[in-house]
C-alpha cells in the first residue's frame, strides 16, 4: 500500500471552499486506485464544526489545525503546519486547489520536501504508481503531460475543472486535532479588506458573463 494522499482543504471565514471539495473528491479517486488512504488537512480558524463535511467527499481522516492565528493565510504558518504533517505521515502525494493560497503554498512545500510540483492541473492520472498531471502551457495554447517521479508528488488542481462529488453522506471519519506551533515569521497578515457587498468568488462561478464598453451600460447585459 502506498502512503496516504494528503489533500489541503482550503477554507475561508470558517467555511470550506468549493475547490476544497473538488480536491478531496479527486484525492479519493486516486487513493482508491493506489489502495491508499486519503487524509484531508484542514488549516484555518473556526472550522472544527464543518471539518466532518470533508469525510462526505471521501477523506478517511481529517487532520485539523484550528487556531485564531490561522484565520487569514500566512505563508510561514501554513507552510510549517503542512510540512510538519507531511513529515509525520509520509504521503505519496499532496494535492491542493490552484487558488491564490494553494498556488503559493504548494511550491513552498515542494522546496522544503525536495520534490516536484505540477500547477494548474486539469487532469490527473497514474503510471506505475507515479502521478501524471495534465496542465496548460504557453498561455493555454497546449496541454502537456508531466510525470512526477519524486515523492511526494505535489499538484494543484484548477478550480471548476474537477467535480466535487459526495462519496457517501454516511461517512464519519476521525478528526485528529494537531497543535499549532507558531513558527517565526517575517510576515504579518493584519487585515483582509473587501469592497462592496459579498459576491461569489469568480473561481467558483459556474458561468461568467462579461462584456465591454460596447454594451453601453449594465442595463443591456
Protein backbone atom coordinates (compact mmCIF):
# COMPACT_ATOMS: atom_id res chain seq x y z
CA UNK A 1 0.00 0.00 0.00
CA UNK A 2 1.20 3.50 -0.86
CA UNK A 3 1.49 6.28 1.67
CA UNK A 4 -1.65 8.36 2.16
CA UNK A 5 -2.73 11.08 -0.21
CA UNK A 6 -2.70 14.37 1.69
CA UNK A 7 -5.18 16.97 0.47
CA UNK A 8 -5.06 20.57 1.67
CA UNK A 9 -8.69 21.59 2.21
CA UNK A 10 -8.82 25.37 1.96
CA UNK A 11 -11.34 27.38 3.94
CA UNK A 12 -12.32 31.00 4.29
CA UNK A 13 -14.34 32.53 7.10
CA UNK A 14 -14.82 29.13 8.71
CA UNK A 15 -16.33 27.61 5.55
CA UNK A 16 -14.57 25.19 3.21
CA UNK A 17 -14.29 26.38 -0.36
CA UNK A 18 -15.90 24.53 -3.24
CA UNK A 19 -12.43 23.94 -4.66
CA UNK A 20 -11.51 22.10 -1.46
CA UNK A 21 -14.30 19.58 -2.02
CA UNK A 22 -13.16 19.17 -5.63
CA UNK A 23 -9.62 18.38 -4.46
CA UNK A 24 -10.83 15.93 -1.82
CA UNK A 25 -13.03 14.16 -4.39
CA UNK A 26 -10.09 13.76 -6.78
CA UNK A 27 -7.89 12.62 -3.93
CA UNK A 28 -10.41 9.91 -3.12
CA UNK A 29 -10.34 8.66 -6.71
CA UNK A 30 -6.55 8.43 -6.75
CA UNK A 31 -6.44 6.85 -3.30
CA UNK A 32 -8.77 4.10 -4.48
CA UNK A 33 -6.51 3.41 -7.46
CA UNK A 34 -3.48 3.20 -5.18
CA UNK A 35 -5.35 1.31 -2.45
CA UNK A 36 -4.26 4.05 -0.08
CA UNK A 37 -5.90 6.29 2.49
CA UNK A 38 -6.82 9.90 1.92
CA UNK A 39 -6.09 12.43 4.64
CA UNK A 40 -7.64 15.90 4.44
CA UNK A 41 -5.58 18.65 6.05
CA UNK A 42 -7.82 21.47 7.25
CA UNK A 43 -5.98 24.63 8.33
CA UNK A 44 -7.90 27.69 9.47
CA UNK A 45 -9.94 29.21 12.27
CA UNK A 46 -13.44 28.22 13.36
CA UNK A 47 -13.53 25.21 11.02
CA UNK A 48 -13.94 22.46 13.61
CA UNK A 49 -17.73 22.29 13.22
CA UNK A 50 -17.52 21.87 9.43
CA UNK A 51 -14.49 19.58 9.32
CA UNK A 52 -16.54 16.37 9.14
CA UNK A 53 -18.01 17.54 5.82
CA UNK A 54 -14.72 16.57 4.19
CA UNK A 55 -15.47 12.95 5.01
CA UNK A 56 -18.56 13.02 2.82
CA UNK A 57 -16.31 13.71 -0.15
CA UNK A 58 -14.01 10.79 0.59
CA UNK A 59 -11.49 11.67 3.29
CA UNK A 60 -10.55 8.74 5.54
CA UNK A 61 -9.11 11.04 8.18
CA UNK A 62 -9.28 14.77 8.82
CA UNK A 63 -6.22 16.44 10.30
CA UNK A 64 -7.37 19.66 11.90
CA UNK A 65 -5.26 22.73 12.68
CA UNK A 66 -7.80 25.20 14.06
CA UNK A 67 -6.38 28.35 15.61
CA UNK A 68 -7.28 32.07 15.53
CA UNK A 69 -3.79 32.78 14.17
CA UNK A 70 -4.69 30.75 11.07
CA UNK A 71 -7.83 32.72 10.18
CA UNK A 72 -6.01 34.56 7.38
CA UNK A 73 -3.38 32.97 5.18
CA UNK A 74 0.15 33.41 6.45
CA UNK A 75 2.67 31.61 4.19
CA UNK A 76 5.01 30.69 7.05
CA UNK A 77 2.28 29.45 9.39
CA UNK A 78 0.52 27.35 6.75
CA UNK A 79 3.75 26.02 5.25
CA UNK A 80 5.14 24.88 8.59
CA UNK A 81 1.87 23.28 9.66
CA UNK A 82 1.55 21.36 6.39
CA UNK A 83 5.25 20.48 6.42
CA UNK A 84 5.03 19.02 9.93
CA UNK A 85 2.09 16.83 8.88
CA UNK A 86 3.81 15.73 5.68
CA UNK A 87 6.94 14.68 7.56
CA UNK A 88 4.83 12.81 10.11
CA UNK A 89 2.56 10.94 7.67
CA UNK A 90 4.92 10.46 4.67
CA UNK A 91 2.25 10.97 1.97
CA UNK A 92 2.78 9.68 -1.55
CA UNK A 93 1.03 12.76 -2.96
CA UNK A 94 -0.06 16.20 -1.81
CA UNK A 95 -2.97 17.91 -3.57
CA UNK A 96 -4.36 21.42 -3.24
CA UNK A 97 -6.69 23.66 -5.20
CA UNK A 98 -4.98 26.08 -7.59
CA UNK A 99 -6.31 29.12 -5.76
CA UNK A 100 -4.10 32.04 -4.76
CA UNK A 101 -3.45 30.24 -1.47
CA UNK A 102 -2.82 26.83 -3.00
CA UNK A 103 -0.53 28.22 -5.69
CA UNK A 104 1.55 29.95 -3.02
CA UNK A 105 1.63 27.05 -0.56
CA UNK A 106 2.39 24.14 -2.93
CA UNK A 107 5.77 25.41 -4.24
CA UNK A 108 6.87 26.25 -0.70
CA UNK A 109 6.19 22.66 0.33
CA UNK A 110 7.97 21.33 -2.76
CA UNK A 111 11.13 23.26 -1.90
CA UNK A 112 11.25 22.00 1.68
CA UNK A 113 10.39 18.41 0.69
CA UNK A 114 12.82 18.43 -2.24
CA UNK A 115 10.20 17.30 -4.71
CA UNK A 116 8.38 18.44 -7.86
CA UNK A 117 5.09 20.30 -8.19
CA UNK A 118 2.69 20.49 -11.14
CA UNK A 119 0.41 23.54 -11.08
CA UNK A 120 -2.97 24.38 -12.60
CA UNK A 121 -3.67 20.72 -13.40
CA UNK A 122 -6.76 19.86 -15.43
CA UNK A 123 -6.44 16.07 -15.19
CA UNK A 124 -4.55 13.60 -13.02
CA UNK A 125 -3.61 10.03 -13.85
CA UNK A 126 -1.25 7.32 -12.65
CA UNK A 127 1.58 5.47 -14.37
CA UNK A 128 3.08 2.64 -12.32
CA UNK A 129 2.16 4.50 -9.16
CA UNK A 130 3.62 7.82 -10.33
CA UNK A 131 1.43 10.88 -10.75
CA UNK A 132 0.90 12.06 -14.34
CA UNK A 133 -0.53 15.57 -14.46
CA UNK A 134 -2.09 17.30 -17.46
CA UNK A 135 -1.65 21.05 -17.34
CA UNK A 136 -1.82 24.01 -19.75
CA UNK A 137 1.30 25.67 -21.10
CA UNK A 138 2.13 28.58 -23.41
CA UNK A 139 -0.81 30.66 -22.16
CA UNK A 140 -3.18 27.72 -22.55
CA UNK A 141 -2.30 27.07 -26.19
CA UNK A 142 -1.20 23.49 -25.48
CA UNK A 143 -1.77 20.85 -22.83
CA UNK A 144 1.27 18.97 -21.57
CA UNK A 145 1.56 15.80 -19.51
CA UNK A 146 4.06 15.87 -16.67
CA UNK A 147 5.14 12.71 -14.87
CA UNK A 148 6.40 13.26 -11.33
CA UNK A 149 8.76 10.54 -10.15
CA UNK A 150 9.86 12.22 -6.91
CA UNK A 151 7.93 11.73 -3.70
CA UNK A 152 5.68 13.13 -2.51
CA UNK A 153 4.29 14.30 -5.83
CA UNK A 154 2.61 17.68 -5.41
CA UNK A 155 -0.12 19.08 -7.66
CA UNK A 156 -2.56 21.97 -7.62
CA UNK A 157 -5.95 21.44 -9.26
CA UNK A 158 -7.57 24.14 -11.35
CA UNK A 159 -10.91 25.12 -9.74
CA UNK A 160 -14.15 24.23 -11.55
CA UNK A 161 -12.42 21.59 -13.69
CA UNK A 162 -12.72 18.70 -11.24
CA UNK A 163 -16.14 17.71 -9.93
CA UNK A 164 -16.97 17.73 -6.22
CA UNK A 165 -18.90 14.53 -5.57
CA UNK A 166 -20.03 13.06 -2.29
CA UNK A 167 -18.59 9.59 -1.74
CA UNK A 168 -21.09 8.76 0.99
CA UNK A 169 -23.21 11.04 3.20
CA UNK A 170 -22.85 8.49 6.00
CA UNK A 171 -19.05 8.61 6.18
CA UNK A 172 -17.83 9.58 9.63
CA UNK A 173 -14.03 9.82 9.55
CA UNK A 174 -11.96 10.54 12.64
CA UNK A 175 -10.85 14.11 13.23
CA UNK A 176 -7.32 14.42 14.55
CA UNK A 177 -6.59 17.84 16.07
CA UNK A 178 -2.97 18.97 15.84
CA UNK A 179 -1.30 21.59 17.95
CA UNK A 180 -0.35 24.71 16.05
CA UNK A 181 3.19 25.68 17.00
CA UNK A 182 3.58 29.22 15.71
CA UNK A 183 6.89 29.45 13.80
CA UNK A 184 8.91 32.61 13.41
CA UNK A 185 7.56 34.68 10.54
CA UNK A 186 8.63 37.91 8.90
CA UNK A 187 5.11 38.31 7.53
CA UNK A 188 2.09 39.56 9.41
CA UNK A 189 -1.39 39.45 7.91
CA UNK A 190 -3.28 42.13 9.78
CA UNK A 191 -6.50 42.53 7.85
CA UNK A 192 -8.39 41.44 4.76
CA UNK A 193 -10.25 44.36 3.19
CA UNK A 194 -13.19 43.65 0.89
CA UNK A 195 -15.13 46.24 -1.05
CA UNK A 196 -18.87 46.27 -1.59
CA UNK A 197 -21.40 43.54 -0.94
CA UNK A 198 -20.38 39.92 -0.65
CA UNK A 199 -20.16 38.37 -4.09
CA UNK A 200 -19.42 34.92 -5.41
CA UNK A 201 -15.74 34.23 -5.97
CA UNK A 202 -15.23 34.15 -9.75
CA UNK A 203 -13.14 30.99 -9.43
CA UNK A 204 -16.21 29.22 -8.03
CA UNK A 205 -18.78 30.52 -10.52
CA UNK A 206 -20.36 28.00 -12.90
CA UNK A 207 -20.93 30.61 -15.61
CA UNK A 208 -19.27 34.00 -16.11
CA UNK A 209 -20.91 36.59 -18.37
CA UNK A 210 -18.68 39.51 -19.32
CA UNK A 211 -18.98 42.48 -21.63
CA UNK A 212 -17.07 45.56 -22.68
CA UNK A 213 -17.95 49.21 -23.19
CA UNK A 214 -19.82 48.32 -26.35
CA UNK A 215 -22.68 47.13 -24.14
CA UNK A 216 -23.38 50.76 -23.29
CA UNK A 217 -24.27 50.03 -19.67
CA UNK A 218 -25.31 47.30 -17.23
CA UNK A 219 -28.95 47.57 -18.36
CA UNK A 220 -28.00 45.99 -21.71
CA UNK A 221 -26.50 42.80 -20.28
